[in-house]
Amino acid sequence: MSTDKDDLSIEDDFVATEDEAEPQVESAKTNLSKRRTIDNMLEERRLQKQLADFDYDL
């Protein structure tokens, strides 16, 4: 085992590059569009289930 201290080079001028920066958040418009699409699909399923359960012999 060595008692000599190793010289370590440390970069004091660290700057984050674009790759290391936080990822861009999707716009609210895109999120709203996706949510509306999901809501429409769920509504369509609900209506199809109501039609399947409907008693046409009234």
PDB file of N, CA and C in Angstrom:
ATOM      1  N   MET A   1       0.840  -1.155   0.000  1.00  0.00           N
ATOM      2  CA  MET A   1       0.000   0.000   0.000  1.00  0.00           C
ATOM      3  C   MET A   1       0.894   1.230   0.000  1.00  0.00           C
ATOM      4  N   SER A   2       0.509   2.167  -0.798  1.00  0.00           N
ATOM      5  CA  SER A   2       1.302   3.376  -0.956  1.00  0.00           C
ATOM      6  C   SER A   2       0.761   4.472  -0.050  1.00  0.00           C
ATOM      7  N   THR A   3       1.659   5.209   0.574  1.00  0.00           N
ATOM      8  CA  THR A   3       1.241   6.312   1.433  1.00  0.00           C
ATOM      9  C   THR A   3       1.285   7.633   0.677  1.00  0.00           C
ATOM     10  N   ASP A   4       1.780   7.593  -0.575  1.00  0.00           N
ATOM     11  CA  ASP A   4       1.822   8.813  -1.378  1.00  0.00           C
ATOM     12  C   ASP A   4       0.406   9.176  -1.819  1.00  0.00           C
ATOM     13  N   LYS A   5       0.129  10.459  -1.807  1.00  0.00           N
ATOM     14  CA  LYS A   5      -1.186  10.906  -2.262  1.00  0.00           C
ATOM     15  C   LYS A   5      -1.157  11.054  -3.772  1.00  0.00           C
ATOM     16  N   ASP A   6      -2.158  10.477  -4.426  1.00  0.00           N
ATOM     17  CA  ASP A   6      -2.258  10.604  -5.876  1.00  0.00           C
ATOM     18  C   ASP A   6      -2.874  11.952  -6.222  1.00  0.00           C
ATOM     19  N   ASP A   7      -2.323  12.572  -7.243  1.00  0.00           N
ATOM     20  CA  ASP A   7      -2.883  13.838  -7.707  1.00  0.00           C
ATOM     21  C   ASP A   7      -4.093  13.540  -8.594  1.00  0.00           C
ATOM     22  N   LEU A   8      -5.214  14.127  -8.230  1.00  0.00           N
ATOM     23  CA  LEU A   8      -6.432  13.953  -9.008  1.00  0.00           C
ATOM     24  C   LEU A   8      -6.760  15.264  -9.695  1.00  0.00           C
ATOM     25  N   SER A   9      -7.068  15.174 -10.958  1.00  0.00           N
ATOM     26  CA  SER A   9      -7.455  16.396 -11.665  1.00  0.00           C
ATOM     27  C   SER A   9      -8.977  16.525 -11.577  1.00  0.00           C
ATOM     28  N   ILE A  10      -9.404  17.699 -11.180  1.00  0.00           N
ATOM     29  CA  ILE A  10     -10.834  17.951 -11.008  1.00  0.00           C
ATOM     30  C   ILE A  10     -11.200  19.118 -11.906  1.00  0.00           C
ATOM     31  N   GLU A  11     -12.276  18.927 -12.650  1.00  0.00           N
ATOM     32  CA  GLU A  11     -12.736  20.005 -13.514  1.00  0.00           C
ATOM     33  C   GLU A  11     -13.649  20.925 -12.713  1.00  0.00           C
ATOM     34  N   ASP A  12     -13.211  22.157 -12.520  1.00  0.00           N
ATOM     35  CA  ASP A  12     -14.022  23.131 -11.793  1.00  0.00           C
ATOM     36  C   ASP A  12     -15.033  23.818 -12.698  1.00  0.00           C
ATOM     37  N   ASP A  13     -14.762  23.806 -13.986  1.00  0.00           N
ATOM     38  CA  ASP A  13     -15.618  24.525 -14.926  1.00  0.00           C
ATOM     39  C   ASP A  13     -16.604  23.564 -15.593  1.00  0.00           C
ATOM     40  N   PHE A  14     -17.350  22.818 -14.810  1.00  0.00           N
ATOM     41  CA  PHE A  14     -18.312  21.867 -15.357  1.00  0.00           C
ATOM     42  C   PHE A  14     -19.550  22.600 -15.831  1.00  0.00           C
ATOM     43  N   VAL A  15     -19.903  22.359 -17.085  1.00  0.00           N
ATOM     44  CA  VAL A  15     -21.121  22.950 -17.647  1.00  0.00           C
ATOM     45  C   VAL A  15     -21.933  21.820 -18.259  1.00  0.00           C
ATOM     46  N   ALA A  16     -23.208  21.740 -17.890  1.00  0.00           N
ATOM     47  CA  ALA A  16     -24.080  20.700 -18.433  1.00  0.00           C
ATOM     48  C   ALA A  16     -24.365  20.991 -19.895  1.00  0.00           C
ATOM     49  N   THR A  17     -24.228  19.965 -20.709  1.00  0.00           N
ATOM     50  CA  THR A  17     -24.564  20.117 -22.122  1.00  0.00           C
ATOM     51  C   THR A  17     -26.054  19.881 -22.304  1.00  0.00           C
ATOM     52  N   GLU A  18     -26.531  20.107 -23.502  1.00  0.00           N
ATOM     53  CA  GLU A  18     -27.959  19.933 -23.761  1.00  0.00           C
ATOM     54  C   GLU A  18     -28.395  18.492 -23.536  1.00  0.00           C
ATOM     55  N   ASP A  19     -27.518  17.531 -23.815  1.00  0.00           N
ATOM     56  CA  ASP A  19     -27.861  16.127 -23.626  1.00  0.00           C
ATOM     57  C   ASP A  19     -28.074  15.794 -22.158  1.00  0.00           C
ATOM     58  N   GLU A  20     -27.372  16.490 -21.286  1.00  0.00           N
ATOM     59  CA  GLU A  20     -27.475  16.214 -19.858  1.00  0.00           C
ATOM     60  C   GLU A  20     -28.546  17.053 -19.180  1.00  0.00           C
ATOM     61  N   ALA A  21     -29.093  18.019 -19.896  1.00  0.00           N
ATOM     62  CA  ALA A  21     -30.124  18.883 -19.328  1.00  0.00           C
ATOM     63  C   ALA A  21     -31.426  18.096 -19.176  1.00  0.00           C
ATOM     64  N   GLU A  22     -32.368  18.666 -18.432  1.00  0.00           N
ATOM     65  CA  GLU A  22     -33.648  17.998 -18.225  1.00  0.00           C
ATOM     66  C   GLU A  22     -34.366  17.831 -19.554  1.00  0.00           C
ATOM     67  N   PRO A  23     -35.059  16.706 -19.760  1.00  0.00           N
ATOM     68  CA  PRO A  23     -35.793  16.516 -21.005  1.00  0.00           C
ATOM     69  C   PRO A  23     -36.950  17.510 -21.098  1.00  0.00           C
ATOM     70  N   GLN A  24     -37.293  17.867 -22.320  1.00  0.00           N
ATOM     71  CA  GLN A  24     -38.377  18.818 -22.501  1.00  0.00           C
ATOM     72  C   GLN A  24     -39.704  18.179 -22.130  1.00  0.00           C
ATOM     73  N   VAL A  25     -40.530  18.945 -21.463  1.00  0.00           N
ATOM     74  CA  VAL A  25     -41.839  18.474 -21.053  1.00  0.00           C
ATOM     75  C   VAL A  25     -42.793  18.657 -22.225  1.00  0.00           C
ATOM     76  N   GLU A  26     -43.671  17.657 -22.421  1.00  0.00           N
ATOM     77  CA  GLU A  26     -44.636  17.772 -23.506  1.00  0.00           C
ATOM     78  C   GLU A  26     -45.545  18.962 -23.256  1.00  0.00           C
ATOM     79  N   SER A  27     -45.957  19.566 -24.333  1.00  0.00           N
ATOM     80  CA  SER A  27     -46.804  20.745 -24.181  1.00  0.00           C
ATOM     81  C   SER A  27     -48.171  20.343 -23.634  1.00  0.00           C
ATOM     82  N   ALA A  28     -48.822  21.285 -22.997  1.00  0.00           N
ATOM     83  CA  ALA A  28     -50.140  21.026 -22.413  1.00  0.00           C
ATOM     84  C   ALA A  28     -51.147  20.693 -23.501  1.00  0.00           C
ATOM     85  N   LYS A  29     -50.971  21.265 -24.680  1.00  0.00           N
ATOM     86  CA  LYS A  29     -51.892  21.007 -25.780  1.00  0.00           C
ATOM     87  C   LYS A  29     -51.835  19.536 -26.196  1.00  0.00           C
ATOM     88  N   THR A  30     -50.628  18.968 -26.242  1.00  0.00           N
ATOM     89  CA  THR A  30     -50.469  17.568 -26.599  1.00  0.00           C
ATOM     90  C   THR A  30     -51.095  16.680 -25.530  1.00  0.00           C
ATOM     91  N   ASN A  31     -50.853  17.007 -24.261  1.00  0.00           N
ATOM     92  CA  ASN A  31     -51.418  16.217 -23.172  1.00  0.00           C
ATOM     93  C   ASN A  31     -52.938  16.280 -23.183  1.00  0.00           C
ATOM     94  N   LEU A  32     -53.497  17.445 -23.458  1.00  0.00           N
ATOM     95  CA  LEU A  32     -54.944  17.601 -23.508  1.00  0.00           C
ATOM     96  C   LEU A  32     -55.522  16.804 -24.666  1.00  0.00           C
ATOM     97  N   SER A  33     -54.834  16.800 -25.780  1.00  0.00           N
ATOM     98  CA  SER A  33     -55.288  16.043 -26.946  1.00  0.00           C
ATOM     99  C   SER A  33     -55.302  14.545 -26.641  1.00  0.00           C
ATOM    100  N   LYS A  34     -54.252  14.057 -25.997  1.00  0.00           N
ATOM    101  CA  LYS A  34     -54.200  12.640 -25.624  1.00  0.00           C
ATOM    102  C   LYS A  34     -55.313  12.299 -24.646  1.00  0.00           C
ATOM    103  N   ARG A  35     -55.561  13.178 -23.682  1.00  0.00           N
ATOM    104  CA  ARG A  35     -56.601  12.940 -22.680  1.00  0.00           C
ATOM    105  C   ARG A  35     -57.972  12.892 -23.330  1.00  0.00           C
ATOM    106  N   ARG A  36     -58.213  13.790 -24.283  1.00  0.00           N
ATOM    107  CA  ARG A  36     -59.502  13.790 -24.984  1.00  0.00           C
ATOM    108  C   ARG A  36     -59.688  12.513 -25.789  1.00  0.00           C
ATOM    109  N   THR A  37     -58.619  12.044 -26.413  1.00  0.00           N
ATOM    110  CA  THR A  37     -58.691  10.798 -27.174  1.00  0.00           C
ATOM    111  C   THR A  37     -59.053   9.636 -26.263  1.00  0.00           C
ATOM    112  N   ILE A  38     -58.422   9.556 -25.100  1.00  0.00           N
ATOM    113  CA  ILE A  38     -58.709   8.492 -24.137  1.00  0.00           C
ATOM    114  C   ILE A  38     -60.141   8.607 -23.641  1.00  0.00           C
ATOM    115  N   ASP A  39     -60.574   9.817 -23.320  1.00  0.00           N
ATOM    116  CA  ASP A  39     -61.952  10.014 -22.848  1.00  0.00           C
ATOM    117  C   ASP A  39     -62.965   9.590 -23.903  1.00  0.00           C
ATOM    118  N   ASN A  40     -62.692   9.908 -25.155  1.00  0.00           N
ATOM    119  CA  ASN A  40     -63.596   9.518 -26.237  1.00  0.00           C
ATOM    120  C   ASN A  40     -63.666   8.004 -26.385  1.00  0.00           C
ATOM    121  N   MET A  41     -62.535   7.333 -26.251  1.00  0.00           N
ATOM    122  CA  MET A  41     -62.521   5.873 -26.349  1.00  0.00           C
ATOM    123  C   MET A  41     -63.309   5.245 -25.204  1.00  0.00           C
ATOM    124  N   LEU A  42     -63.140   5.775 -23.995  1.00  0.00           N
ATOM    125  CA  LEU A  42     -63.877   5.247 -22.847  1.00  0.00           C
ATOM    126  C   LEU A  42     -65.374   5.491 -22.990  1.00  0.00           C
ATOM    127  N   GLU A  43     -65.754   6.656 -23.495  1.00  0.00           N
ATOM    128  CA  GLU A  43     -67.162   6.968 -23.722  1.00  0.00           C
ATOM    129  C   GLU A  43     -67.760   6.028 -24.764  1.00  0.00           C
ATOM    130  N   GLU A  44     -66.999   5.744 -25.815  1.00  0.00           N
ATOM    131  CA  GLU A  44     -67.482   4.832 -26.851  1.00  0.00           C
ATOM    132  C   GLU A  44     -67.695   3.426 -26.276  1.00  0.00           C
ATOM    133  N   ARG A  45     -66.767   2.957 -25.455  1.00  0.00           N
ATOM    134  CA  ARG A  45     -66.928   1.646 -24.812  1.00  0.00           C
ATOM    135  C   ARG A  45     -68.170   1.606 -23.930  1.00  0.00           C
ATOM    136  N   ARG A  46     -68.372   2.682 -23.159  1.00  0.00           N
ATOM    137  CA  ARG A  46     -69.524   2.743 -22.270  1.00  0.00           C
ATOM    138  C   ARG A  46     -70.831   2.695 -23.061  1.00  0.00           C
ATOM    139  N   LEU A  47     -70.889   3.438 -24.156  1.00  0.00           N
ATOM    140  CA  LEU A  47     -72.091   3.449 -24.986  1.00  0.00           C
ATOM    141  C   LEU A  47     -72.326   2.103 -25.664  1.00  0.00           C
ATOM    142  N   GLN A  48     -71.254   1.454 -26.109  1.00  0.00           N
ATOM    143  CA  GLN A  48     -71.398   0.133 -26.728  1.00  0.00           C
ATOM    144  C   GLN A  48     -71.910  -0.889 -25.716  1.00  0.00           C
ATOM    145  N   LYS A  49     -71.452  -0.786 -24.479  1.00  0.00           N
ATOM    146  CA  LYS A  49     -71.931  -1.690 -23.437  1.00  0.00           C
ATOM    147  C   LYS A  49     -73.411  -1.437 -23.152  1.00  0.00           C
ATOM    148  N   GLN A  50     -73.822  -0.162 -23.121  1.00  0.00           N
ATOM    149  CA  GLN A  50     -75.233   0.158 -22.909  1.00  0.00           C
ATOM    150  C   GLN A  50     -76.089  -0.397 -24.036  1.00  0.00           C
ATOM    151  N   LEU A  51     -75.606  -0.297 -25.279  1.00  0.00           N
ATOM    152  CA  LEU A  51     -76.355  -0.851 -26.406  1.00  0.00           C
ATOM    153  C   LEU A  51     -76.462  -2.370 -26.318  1.00  0.00           C
ATOM    154  N   ALA A  52     -75.386  -3.013 -25.892  1.00  0.00           N
ATOM    155  CA  ALA A  52     -75.395  -4.474 -25.771  1.00  0.00           C
ATOM    156  C   ALA A  52     -76.354  -4.915 -24.670  1.00  0.00           C
ATOM    157  N   ASP A  53     -76.478  -4.125 -23.613  1.00  0.00           N
ATOM    158  CA  ASP A  53     -77.351  -4.483 -22.499  1.00  0.00           C
ATOM    159  C   ASP A  53     -78.785  -4.024 -22.691  1.00  0.00           C
ATOM    160  N   PHE A  54     -79.053  -3.242 -23.727  1.00  0.00           N
ATOM    161  CA  PHE A  54     -80.371  -2.669 -23.921  1.00  0.00           C
ATOM    162  C   PHE A  54     -81.381  -3.743 -24.287  1.00  0.00           C
ATOM    163  N   ASP A  55     -82.548  -3.666 -23.686  1.00  0.00           N
ATOM    164  CA  ASP A  55     -83.610  -4.633 -23.969  1.00  0.00           C
ATOM    165  C   ASP A  55     -84.462  -4.085 -25.101  1.00  0.00           C
ATOM    166  N   TYR A  56     -84.308  -4.681 -26.295  1.00  0.00           N
ATOM    167  CA  TYR A  56     -85.018  -4.190 -27.473  1.00  0.00           C
ATOM    168  C   TYR A  56     -86.467  -4.685 -27.530  1.00  0.00           C
ATOM    169  N   ASP A  57     -86.875  -5.543 -26.607  1.00  0.00           N
ATOM    170  CA  ASP A  57     -88.219  -6.120 -26.617  1.00  0.00           C
ATOM    171  C   ASP A  57     -89.236  -5.260 -25.901  1.00  0.00           C
ATOM    172  N   LEU A  58     -88.984  -4.007 -25.711  1.00  0.00           N
ATOM    173  CA  LEU A  58     -89.934  -3.151 -24.991  1.00  0.00           C
ATOM    174  C   LEU A  58     -91.207  -2.975 -25.739  1.00  0.00           C
TER     175      LEU A  58
END
